[in-house]
């Protein structure tokens, strides 16, 4: 699992006293991505949205993840697993729709 996620225990959800193999962000990122890829394909085929709209949507859904990660990395604030999970889900949705 280390190839797709760092799995730092403090950043993971826990179940029965053990950390899950994926961090909170990746726990929701990957399922969101997998679920929304077919939706993104349908949107592209049926609606043919302008490229700018897709870029804007993707940017807006990935930005919270980037902001959360960078502000935590630079020590400006501390993130929580719930924030990581929500930003991971948003980024997964944005990436899946854009794919």
Foldseek 3Di string as FASTA:
>chain_A
DCVVAVQDQQQADDDPHHGDSHGLLQVQQVVLQVVLLVVLVCCCVPVVDDPVVLVVQLCVLQVLVVVQVVCVVVPVDHDHSVSSNSSSNSNSNSNSNSD
